[in-house]
Protein backbone atom coordinates (compact mmCIF):
# COMPACT_ATOMS: atom_id res chain seq x y z
CA UNK A 1 -1.77 9.38 -7.77
CA UNK A 2 -0.76 8.70 -11.31
CA UNK A 3 -1.58 11.74 -14.27
CA UNK A 4 -2.67 10.04 -17.38
CA UNK A 5 -2.21 11.88 -20.90
CA UNK A 6 -3.36 9.54 -24.06
CA UNK A 7 -2.69 10.50 -28.17
CA UNK A 8 -2.57 8.88 -31.17
CA UNK A 9 -6.41 8.43 -32.20
CA UNK A 10 -7.38 9.65 -35.19
CA UNK A 11 -9.73 8.68 -38.47
CA UNK A 12 -8.65 5.04 -40.13
CA UNK A 13 -9.66 2.33 -42.77
CA UNK A 14 -10.85 -0.84 -41.94
CA UNK A 15 -8.08 -2.92 -41.91
CA UNK A 16 -5.56 -0.24 -41.20
CA UNK A 17 -4.12 0.05 -37.71
CA UNK A 18 -3.00 2.75 -35.43
CA UNK A 19 -0.92 3.30 -31.94
CA UNK A 20 -1.86 4.50 -29.02
CA UNK A 21 0.19 6.35 -26.06
CA UNK A 22 -0.50 7.26 -23.13
CA UNK A 23 2.56 8.78 -21.12
CA UNK A 24 2.28 8.64 -17.36
CA UNK A 25 4.03 10.54 -14.91
CA UNK A 26 3.44 11.29 -11.10
CA UNK A 27 5.25 9.36 -7.67
CA UNK A 28 6.10 6.08 -8.02
CA UNK A 29 3.71 5.76 -11.23
CA UNK A 30 6.29 2.41 -11.55
CA UNK A 31 3.45 0.90 -9.23
CA UNK A 32 0.52 1.12 -11.19
CA UNK A 33 -0.56 -1.78 -13.57
CA UNK A 34 -1.54 0.14 -16.42
CA UNK A 35 -4.16 -0.49 -19.65
CA UNK A 36 -6.86 0.20 -21.82
CA UNK A 37 -10.47 0.27 -21.58
CA UNK A 38 -12.79 1.70 -24.91
CA UNK A 39 -16.25 3.67 -24.66
CA UNK A 40 -18.29 3.35 -27.68
CA UNK A 41 -21.56 5.65 -27.87
CA UNK A 42 -24.58 3.83 -26.47
CA UNK A 43 -22.45 0.77 -24.48
CA UNK A 44 -20.27 0.39 -21.20
CA UNK A 45 -17.11 1.62 -20.89
CA UNK A 46 -15.35 -1.98 -21.74
CA UNK A 47 -11.92 -3.86 -20.83
CA UNK A 48 -9.53 -4.18 -23.92
CA UNK A 49 -6.24 -4.35 -22.55
CA UNK A 50 -3.67 -4.69 -19.91
CA UNK A 51 -0.07 -5.13 -18.43
CA UNK A 52 0.42 -6.35 -14.46
CA UNK A 53 2.65 -3.78 -12.64
CA UNK A 54 5.27 -6.13 -11.47
CA UNK A 55 5.50 -9.16 -13.88
CA UNK A 56 4.08 -7.22 -16.65
CA UNK A 57 2.12 -9.74 -18.11
CA UNK A 58 -0.64 -8.88 -20.50
CA UNK A 59 -4.22 -9.51 -20.88
CA UNK A 60 -6.45 -8.86 -23.85
CA UNK A 61 -10.09 -8.72 -24.18
CA UNK A 62 -11.13 -11.52 -26.56
CA UNK A 63 -12.65 -9.02 -29.10
CA UNK A 64 -9.29 -7.74 -29.95
CA UNK A 65 -7.07 -10.73 -29.11
CA UNK A 66 -4.83 -11.34 -32.14
CA UNK A 67 -5.26 -7.85 -33.12
CA UNK A 68 -3.82 -5.66 -30.64
CA UNK A 69 -0.80 -5.32 -28.39
CA UNK A 70 -0.20 -3.31 -25.53
CA UNK A 71 3.33 -2.62 -24.36
CA UNK A 72 5.39 -0.26 -21.97
CA UNK A 73 8.26 1.45 -21.96
CA UNK A 74 9.56 2.04 -18.36
CA UNK A 75 12.22 4.37 -19.34
CA UNK A 76 9.56 6.67 -20.69
CA UNK A 77 7.01 6.00 -18.27
CA UNK A 78 4.92 5.27 -21.64
CA UNK A 79 1.93 2.90 -22.13
CA UNK A 80 1.45 2.03 -25.99
CA UNK A 81 -1.53 -0.07 -27.69
CA UNK A 82 -1.10 -1.10 -31.26
CA UNK A 83 -3.97 -1.67 -33.25
CA UNK A 84 -4.13 -3.91 -36.16
CA UNK A 85 -6.69 -4.81 -38.55
CA UNK A 86 -9.40 -2.42 -37.27
CA UNK A 87 -12.81 -2.75 -37.03
CA UNK A 88 -16.07 -0.56 -37.46
CA UNK A 89 -16.86 -1.80 -34.32
CA UNK A 90 -13.75 -0.85 -32.66
CA UNK A 91 -14.98 2.89 -32.94
CA UNK A 92 -15.13 4.06 -29.62
CA UNK A 93 -13.30 6.73 -27.21
CA UNK A 94 -9.82 4.90 -25.78
CA UNK A 95 -8.46 5.45 -22.30
CA UNK A 96 -5.68 4.99 -20.24
CA UNK A 97 -5.71 3.55 -16.78
CA UNK A 98 -3.99 3.04 -13.76
CA UNK A 99 -4.24 0.43 -10.82
CA UNK A 100 -1.84 1.19 -8.26
CA UNK A 101 -0.18 -2.81 -7.41
CA UNK A 102 -3.03 -4.27 -10.10
CA UNK A 103 -1.52 -7.51 -10.45
CA UNK A 104 -4.43 -9.50 -12.53
CA UNK A 105 -6.82 -7.73 -15.53
CA UNK A 106 -9.47 -6.81 -16.26
CA UNK A 107 -9.35 -5.07 -13.39
CA UNK A 108 -13.36 -3.89 -12.04
CA UNK A 109 -13.48 -0.06 -13.00
CA UNK A 110 -14.19 0.93 -9.89
CA UNK A 111 -10.75 -0.43 -8.37
CA UNK A 112 -9.34 1.97 -11.76
CA UNK A 113 -7.17 4.83 -9.74
CA UNK A 114 -6.02 7.19 -12.27
CA UNK A 115 -8.03 7.99 -16.17
CA UNK A 116 -6.74 9.80 -18.68
CA UNK A 117 -8.80 12.28 -20.62
CA UNK A 118 -9.32 10.01 -23.61
CA UNK A 119 -8.94 9.47 -27.43
CA UNK A 120 -11.37 9.02 -29.96
CA UNK A 121 -10.29 6.28 -32.46
CA UNK A 122 -13.06 5.95 -35.38
CA UNK A 123 -12.56 3.39 -38.15
CA UNK A 124 -14.64 3.74 -41.34
CA UNK A 125 -16.56 0.80 -43.32
């Protein structure tokens, strides 16, 4: 199973930018679709963005489309989430997620094989 470690969260003003990173380790980590979810207080954990394991197709939730960009560096086994034009409603704990052989996002949370520990993103108004 793959292990995931996020970094890059923090406090930013509305309109600002942050980049999250997720380092993956473990056997066959390249066989996993990887993505980002977020969990805001009082809300369900929701899908944000994802990349499929083979073709590298990207998917985004409607709430972040056009503002966030997901990418990965296969040589470094690292997933990124570039977040621009941040809004206070983007405030949440962001989790990296991996699903073996995932070919389409969003993948149901019950089908996620590995989760990172989460990183806090706070956007002030």
